[in-house]
């Protein structure tokens, strides 16, 4: 009987995390920031000065959820400059995905992905019984916090939680309708709001497309991470169909997000991804070098100046012997990578596709 109970409990805990009472939908938020303006007054010949904080909409956020919040995705658009001056048109600056126990964050301008723990989900799973009793992720994540009132936001009666001296939350059916942060004194007295996120629209009949929760930047990051030394050697040796060899004379034209595999002049196996080609025609890459399946060197953002020759084994060392130089980066009308003394530089062709899949290879039988 006890074993059955344990198995049942384990089965319940293994179920998907469902923080919301609504299956799917879309929320639109405004991220509010504040600017400070000096105020001068002249009364009875006496001039006084003070300051006031003026709110402005800095960003617009589209937030999508499905499976009662088990998965969620958001995209953030900058709509004004610092201080509130409106941009000619909004600019997407980031995307986030919450899935399983991961919080993936993609900074668009830097073309970088970070993978952080999804602390909310993890804590609710660690305190499963408490979470079930409270039936509230807010009261589980912030233990000791209780609902103390309600307020109407976008025609919904939202529950009010004072999280601590810095933060207030307003939720409806588990969905955050407002998140407000405050500046406080060292003793904890609130002075004034510092920033907030407030819902302006909600659509609980929005049709969610499944591909929303599998963005191409995440597929590319997962593909890049699967390329360890064994996988790279396997592809180089057996999969010419997914490779394009950089020509020793004409080089190979690079574009953003290309993934390349290479063998250096010192027979080191490596991989790199093109992060960007900046306004100074510098090539910005991330790379990893392997030996005996261990990473021996890596960089998340390595810049190669235009018309530079690189020894990728020791890229920061000057006065390298010519025979150890691996490739040259040159940008005139287009960016070209020229192999030097390395064994090979190969473009992984699936990195230029939308699926990013390395399909199974069937050799033709003669």
Protein backbone atom coordinates (compact mmCIF):
# COMPACT_ATOMS: atom_id res chain seq x y z
CA UNK A 1 0.00 0.00 0.00
CA UNK A 2 2.81 2.40 0.92
CA UNK A 3 4.60 1.61 -2.34
CA UNK A 4 1.41 2.36 -4.28
CA UNK A 5 1.12 5.69 -2.47
CA UNK A 6 4.73 6.62 -3.26
CA UNK A 7 4.28 5.66 -6.92
CA UNK A 8 1.05 7.66 -7.15
CA UNK A 9 2.70 10.70 -5.55
CA UNK A 10 5.69 10.41 -7.89
CA UNK A 11 3.31 10.19 -10.85
CA UNK A 12 1.45 13.33 -9.73
CA UNK A 13 4.72 15.22 -9.21
CA UNK A 14 5.87 14.21 -12.68
CA UNK A 15 2.87 15.91 -14.24
CA UNK A 16 3.36 19.14 -16.09
CA UNK A 17 3.69 22.33 -14.09
CA UNK A 18 0.46 24.28 -14.56
CA UNK A 19 0.55 27.66 -12.79
CA UNK A 20 -2.43 29.24 -14.58
CA UNK A 21 -6.16 28.53 -14.50
CA UNK A 22 -6.53 29.23 -18.23
CA UNK A 23 -5.15 26.83 -20.84
CA UNK A 24 -3.66 29.28 -23.35
CA UNK A 25 -3.67 32.85 -24.54
CA UNK A 26 -1.79 36.08 -25.08
CA UNK A 27 -1.05 39.04 -22.82
CA UNK A 28 0.27 42.43 -23.93
CA UNK A 29 2.23 44.43 -21.36
CA UNK A 30 3.77 47.88 -21.15
CA UNK A 31 7.08 48.13 -19.32
CA UNK A 32 7.05 51.48 -17.51
CA UNK A 33 10.23 53.37 -16.62
CA UNK A 34 10.63 56.79 -14.98
CA UNK A 35 12.56 59.93 -15.82
CA UNK A 36 13.35 62.68 -13.31
CA UNK A 37 12.49 66.30 -14.04
CA UNK A 38 13.60 69.31 -12.00
CA UNK A 39 10.82 71.61 -10.80
CA UNK A 40 11.43 75.23 -9.76
CA UNK A 41 8.91 77.41 -7.91
CA UNK A 42 8.98 81.10 -6.98
CA UNK A 43 6.69 82.04 -4.10
CA UNK A 44 6.88 85.33 -2.20
CA UNK A 45 10.27 85.99 -3.69
CA UNK A 46 11.64 82.67 -2.52
CA UNK A 47 12.77 80.15 -5.10
CA UNK A 48 12.51 76.47 -4.26
CA UNK A 49 13.49 73.46 -6.28
CA UNK A 50 12.39 69.85 -6.26
CA UNK A 51 12.17 66.94 -8.62
CA UNK A 52 9.36 64.80 -9.94
CA UNK A 53 9.37 61.38 -11.54
CA UNK A 54 7.52 61.05 -14.82
CA UNK A 55 6.53 57.61 -16.12
CA UNK A 56 6.95 56.61 -19.75
CA UNK A 57 6.47 53.43 -21.77
CA UNK A 58 9.91 52.00 -22.50
CA UNK A 59 8.98 48.60 -23.91
CA UNK A 60 6.04 46.59 -25.17
CA UNK A 61 5.86 42.88 -24.36
CA UNK A 62 3.87 40.13 -26.04
CA UNK A 63 3.53 37.12 -23.73
CA UNK A 64 2.08 33.77 -24.87
CA UNK A 65 1.31 30.71 -22.78
CA UNK A 66 -0.02 27.22 -23.41
CA UNK A 67 -0.79 24.03 -21.44
CA UNK A 68 -1.98 26.14 -18.50
CA UNK A 69 1.40 27.90 -18.35
CA UNK A 70 3.53 24.79 -18.62
CA UNK A 71 5.23 26.52 -21.56
CA UNK A 72 5.48 30.26 -22.18
CA UNK A 73 7.16 32.59 -24.64
CA UNK A 74 7.60 36.35 -24.78
CA UNK A 75 8.97 38.92 -27.17
CA UNK A 76 10.09 42.38 -26.04
CA UNK A 77 10.04 45.49 -28.23
CA UNK A 78 11.74 48.76 -27.37
CA UNK A 79 9.36 51.62 -28.16
CA UNK A 80 11.24 54.63 -26.74
CA UNK A 81 14.73 55.78 -25.92
CA UNK A 82 15.99 56.29 -22.38
CA UNK A 83 14.01 59.25 -21.06
CA UNK A 84 10.90 58.57 -23.10
CA UNK A 85 11.58 59.87 -26.60
CA UNK A 86 9.58 57.64 -28.94
CA UNK A 87 11.41 55.62 -31.58
CA UNK A 88 10.23 55.95 -35.22
CA UNK A 89 9.14 52.31 -34.95
CA UNK A 90 9.40 49.66 -32.28
CA UNK A 91 12.45 47.37 -32.31
CA UNK A 92 12.47 43.79 -31.07
CA UNK A 93 15.28 43.43 -28.53
CA UNK A 94 14.79 40.03 -26.90
CA UNK A 95 12.84 36.79 -26.69
CA UNK A 96 12.40 34.38 -23.79
CA UNK A 97 11.16 30.83 -23.57
CA UNK A 98 10.14 28.96 -20.42
CA UNK A 99 9.98 25.20 -20.93
CA UNK A 100 10.70 22.21 -18.68
CA UNK A 101 13.12 23.58 -16.07
CA UNK A 102 14.80 26.03 -18.44
CA UNK A 103 14.52 29.75 -19.01
CA UNK A 104 16.10 30.49 -22.37
CA UNK A 105 16.88 34.15 -23.07
CA UNK A 106 17.86 35.46 -26.50
CA UNK A 107 19.40 38.94 -26.84
CA UNK A 108 18.74 39.80 -30.45
CA UNK A 109 21.30 42.56 -30.98
CA UNK A 110 24.11 40.47 -29.48
CA UNK A 111 22.76 37.26 -31.06
CA UNK A 112 23.38 35.39 -27.80
CA UNK A 113 21.40 32.70 -26.00
CA UNK A 114 21.57 32.08 -22.25
CA UNK A 115 20.14 29.01 -20.50
CA UNK A 116 19.13 29.67 -16.89
CA UNK A 117 17.19 27.54 -14.39
CA UNK A 118 13.43 28.12 -14.29
CA UNK A 119 13.43 28.84 -10.56
CA UNK A 120 9.65 29.15 -10.22
CA UNK A 121 8.99 25.69 -11.60
CA UNK A 122 11.88 24.15 -9.65
CA UNK A 123 10.72 25.59 -6.31
CA UNK A 124 7.11 24.52 -6.84
CA UNK A 125 8.29 20.97 -7.62
CA UNK A 126 10.59 20.94 -4.58
CA UNK A 127 7.67 22.05 -2.39
CA UNK A 128 5.05 20.02 -4.23
CA UNK A 129 2.67 19.34 -1.31
CA UNK A 130 2.78 22.98 -0.17
CA UNK A 131 2.12 24.09 -3.76
CA UNK A 132 -0.88 21.74 -4.01
CA UNK A 133 -2.34 22.97 -0.71
CA UNK A 134 -1.86 26.66 -1.51
CA UNK A 135 -2.83 26.23 -5.17
CA UNK A 136 -0.75 29.35 -5.84
CA UNK A 137 2.70 29.63 -7.38
CA UNK A 138 3.02 33.13 -5.87
CA UNK A 139 2.58 31.87 -2.32
CA UNK A 140 4.93 28.94 -3.01
CA UNK A 141 7.71 30.97 -4.62
CA UNK A 142 7.38 33.69 -1.96
CA UNK A 143 6.55 31.62 1.12
CA UNK A 144 4.81 33.64 3.82
CA UNK A 145 3.21 36.02 1.33
CA UNK A 146 -0.57 36.12 1.28
CA UNK A 147 -3.21 37.83 -0.82
CA UNK A 148 -4.30 41.01 0.98
CA UNK A 149 -6.76 42.57 -1.45
CA UNK A 150 -7.91 42.97 -5.02
CA UNK A 151 -7.72 45.66 -7.69
CA UNK A 152 -9.27 45.90 -11.14
CA UNK A 153 -6.78 45.69 -14.04
CA UNK A 154 -7.99 45.41 -17.66
CA UNK A 155 -11.48 44.63 -16.35
CA UNK A 156 -10.24 41.68 -14.26
CA UNK A 157 -10.26 41.53 -10.48
CA UNK A 158 -6.58 40.90 -9.71
CA UNK A 159 -5.29 39.55 -6.39
CA UNK A 160 -2.79 41.84 -4.65
CA UNK A 161 0.38 40.50 -3.03
CA UNK A 162 2.98 42.61 -1.26
CA UNK A 163 6.01 40.41 -1.91
CA UNK A 164 8.52 42.45 0.09
CA UNK A 165 9.65 46.04 0.53
CA UNK A 166 10.77 46.13 -3.10
CA UNK A 167 7.98 44.41 -5.03
CA UNK A 168 4.21 44.13 -5.48
CA UNK A 169 2.41 41.54 -7.63
CA UNK A 170 -1.13 41.52 -9.00
CA UNK A 171 -2.39 38.23 -10.46
CA UNK A 172 -5.58 36.95 -12.02
CA UNK A 173 -6.08 33.18 -12.36
CA UNK A 174 -2.32 32.86 -11.81
CA UNK A 175 -1.44 35.28 -14.62
CA UNK A 176 0.58 38.35 -13.66
CA UNK A 177 -1.35 41.48 -14.62
CA UNK A 178 1.02 43.88 -12.87
CA UNK A 179 4.51 43.64 -11.39
CA UNK A 180 5.74 46.81 -9.66
CA UNK A 181 9.17 47.49 -8.15
CA UNK A 182 10.07 50.27 -5.71
CA UNK A 183 13.06 52.29 -4.54
CA UNK A 184 13.41 52.04 -0.76
CA UNK A 185 15.47 53.51 2.04
CA UNK A 186 18.10 51.35 3.79
CA UNK A 187 15.52 50.79 6.54
CA UNK A 188 12.99 49.47 4.04
CA UNK A 189 10.65 52.45 3.68
CA UNK A 190 9.27 52.73 0.17
CA UNK A 191 10.09 56.00 -1.56
CA UNK A 192 8.61 55.74 -5.06
CA UNK A 193 8.03 53.27 -7.92
CA UNK A 194 11.14 52.40 -9.88
CA UNK A 195 9.69 50.34 -12.74
CA UNK A 196 6.63 48.29 -13.50
CA UNK A 197 5.06 45.91 -16.00
CA UNK A 198 1.32 46.30 -16.51
CA UNK A 199 -1.03 44.30 -18.73
CA UNK A 200 -2.95 46.35 -21.30
CA UNK A 201 -4.61 43.52 -23.26
CA UNK A 202 -5.50 39.87 -22.73
CA UNK A 203 -6.80 37.37 -25.27
CA UNK A 204 -7.73 33.95 -23.88
CA UNK A 205 -8.99 32.73 -27.27
CA UNK A 206 -5.72 33.42 -29.07
CA UNK A 207 -4.70 30.51 -31.32
CA UNK A 208 -1.26 29.34 -30.22
CA UNK A 209 1.08 27.89 -32.86
CA UNK A 210 3.29 25.11 -31.51
CA UNK A 211 6.39 26.39 -33.37
CA UNK A 212 6.25 29.48 -31.16
CA UNK A 213 7.80 27.37 -28.40
CA UNK A 214 10.63 26.07 -30.60
CA UNK A 215 12.26 29.25 -31.94
CA UNK A 216 15.01 28.94 -34.54
CA UNK A 217 17.62 30.55 -32.25
CA UNK A 218 17.07 27.78 -29.71
CA UNK A 219 17.25 25.06 -32.37
CA UNK A 220 20.53 26.58 -33.57
CA UNK A 221 21.93 26.72 -30.03
CA UNK A 222 20.99 23.08 -29.39
CA UNK A 223 22.59 22.02 -32.68
CA UNK A 224 25.79 23.88 -31.79
CA UNK A 225 25.92 22.29 -28.33
CA UNK A 226 25.57 18.75 -29.73
CA UNK A 227 28.79 19.20 -31.71
CA UNK A 228 31.40 17.67 -29.41
CA UNK A 229 34.70 16.28 -30.69
CA UNK A 230 33.31 12.83 -31.55
CA UNK A 231 30.37 14.32 -33.45
CA UNK A 232 32.60 16.74 -35.35
CA UNK A 233 35.00 13.96 -36.38
CA UNK A 234 32.07 11.77 -37.41
CA UNK A 235 30.61 14.51 -39.62
CA UNK A 236 33.96 15.41 -41.20
CA UNK A 237 34.76 11.76 -41.94
CA UNK A 238 31.38 10.45 -43.06
CA UNK A 239 29.01 13.27 -44.01
CA UNK A 240 30.30 15.20 -47.05
CA UNK A 241 26.65 15.82 -47.97
CA UNK A 242 26.22 18.28 -45.09
CA UNK A 243 29.59 20.00 -45.52
CA UNK A 244 30.98 22.69 -47.80
CA UNK A 245 34.78 22.87 -47.85
CA UNK A 246 36.25 26.38 -47.79
CA UNK A 247 38.32 26.86 -50.94
CA UNK A 248 42.02 27.57 -50.30
CA UNK A 249 42.14 30.19 -53.07
CA UNK A 250 38.71 31.81 -53.05
CA UNK A 251 37.78 31.14 -49.43
CA UNK A 252 34.19 30.87 -48.27
CA UNK A 253 31.67 33.68 -47.86
CA UNK A 254 30.30 33.87 -44.33
CA UNK A 255 26.97 35.09 -43.04
CA UNK A 256 25.40 35.57 -39.64
CA UNK A 257 24.66 32.32 -37.76
CA UNK A 258 26.87 30.09 -39.92
CA UNK A 259 28.29 27.13 -38.02
CA UNK A 260 31.73 25.92 -39.15
CA UNK A 261 33.83 22.91 -38.19
CA UNK A 262 37.59 22.90 -38.53
CA UNK A 263 40.85 21.09 -37.91
CA UNK A 264 43.69 23.46 -37.04
CA UNK A 265 47.32 23.42 -38.14
CA UNK A 266 48.08 21.65 -34.84
CA UNK A 267 45.40 18.99 -35.57
CA UNK A 268 43.03 20.42 -32.95
CA UNK A 269 39.32 19.83 -33.60
CA UNK A 270 37.05 22.86 -33.29
CA UNK A 271 33.73 24.50 -34.05
CA UNK A 272 32.65 28.11 -34.38
CA UNK A 273 29.50 30.12 -35.02
CA UNK A 274 29.27 33.53 -36.68
CA UNK A 275 27.64 35.85 -34.14
CA UNK A 276 27.84 38.97 -36.31
CA UNK A 277 29.82 41.02 -38.79
CA UNK A 278 29.86 44.45 -37.17
CA UNK A 279 29.94 47.98 -38.59
CA UNK A 280 33.76 47.92 -38.58
CA UNK A 281 33.70 44.72 -40.67
CA UNK A 282 35.00 42.71 -37.72
CA UNK A 283 34.03 39.06 -37.61
CA UNK A 284 32.52 38.17 -34.22
CA UNK A 285 32.43 34.46 -33.46
CA UNK A 286 32.06 32.03 -30.61
CA UNK A 287 34.21 28.92 -30.73
CA UNK A 288 35.32 25.82 -28.86
CA UNK A 289 38.48 23.72 -29.24
CA UNK A 290 38.64 20.04 -28.22
CA UNK A 291 41.25 17.48 -27.29
CA UNK A 292 40.38 13.97 -26.06
CA UNK A 293 36.75 15.14 -25.95
CA UNK A 294 37.56 17.85 -23.43
CA UNK A 295 37.11 21.56 -24.16
CA UNK A 296 40.60 23.07 -24.03
CA UNK A 297 39.63 26.61 -25.04
CA UNK A 298 36.43 28.54 -25.78
CA UNK A 299 35.15 32.08 -26.25
CA UNK A 300 31.58 33.38 -26.35
CA UNK A 301 32.48 36.55 -28.23
CA UNK A 302 35.79 36.70 -30.08
CA UNK A 303 36.46 39.57 -32.51
CA UNK A 304 38.65 39.21 -35.58
CA UNK A 305 39.64 42.50 -37.21
CA UNK A 306 39.28 42.96 -40.95
CA UNK A 307 42.26 41.63 -42.93
CA UNK A 308 43.57 39.68 -39.93
CA UNK A 309 45.21 36.25 -39.94
CA UNK A 310 44.42 34.09 -36.91
CA UNK A 311 45.96 31.14 -35.14
CA UNK A 312 42.79 29.84 -33.51
CA UNK A 313 44.77 27.49 -31.21
CA UNK A 314 46.25 30.51 -29.41
CA UNK A 315 44.31 33.50 -30.79
CA UNK A 316 45.65 36.09 -28.31
CA UNK A 317 49.34 35.31 -28.84
CA UNK A 318 51.27 37.59 -31.19
CA UNK A 319 54.28 36.74 -33.36
CA UNK A 320 52.99 33.30 -34.30
CA UNK A 321 54.95 31.27 -36.81
CA UNK A 322 53.43 31.43 -40.28
CA UNK A 323 52.95 27.65 -40.45
CA UNK A 324 50.63 27.83 -37.41
CA UNK A 325 48.21 30.38 -38.91
CA UNK A 326 44.79 28.87 -39.57
CA UNK A 327 42.68 31.34 -41.53
CA UNK A 328 42.33 34.93 -42.69
CA UNK A 329 39.24 37.14 -42.40
CA UNK A 330 38.75 39.77 -45.10
CA UNK A 331 35.79 42.02 -45.85
CA UNK A 332 35.64 44.25 -48.92
CA UNK A 333 32.23 43.93 -50.55
CA UNK A 334 31.50 40.69 -48.74
CA UNK A 335 33.03 38.77 -45.87
CA UNK A 336 35.35 35.93 -46.86
CA UNK A 337 37.17 33.43 -44.64
CA UNK A 338 40.36 32.12 -46.28
CA UNK A 339 41.97 28.88 -45.03
CA UNK A 340 45.72 29.17 -44.40
CA UNK A 341 47.72 26.26 -42.95
CA UNK A 342 44.86 24.51 -41.23
CA UNK A 343 43.75 21.05 -42.37
CA UNK A 344 40.16 22.01 -43.13
CA UNK A 345 37.43 24.60 -42.63
CA UNK A 346 33.94 23.33 -43.40
CA UNK A 347 30.58 25.05 -43.40
CA UNK A 348 27.86 22.96 -41.77
CA UNK A 349 25.19 23.50 -44.45
CA UNK A 350 22.16 22.73 -42.20
CA UNK A 351 23.06 25.85 -40.18
CA UNK A 352 21.77 27.88 -43.15
CA UNK A 353 18.38 26.13 -43.19
CA UNK A 354 15.23 26.81 -41.17
CA UNK A 355 15.02 23.27 -39.82
CA UNK A 356 18.72 23.04 -38.85
CA UNK A 357 18.42 19.26 -39.03
CA UNK A 358 21.22 16.92 -40.06
CA UNK A 359 19.20 14.32 -41.94
CA UNK A 360 20.16 10.67 -42.05
CA UNK A 361 22.66 9.82 -44.78
CA UNK A 362 22.13 6.95 -47.17
CA UNK A 363 25.11 6.07 -49.34
CA UNK A 364 24.34 5.09 -52.89
CA UNK A 365 25.19 1.45 -53.66
CA UNK A 366 26.93 1.07 -56.99
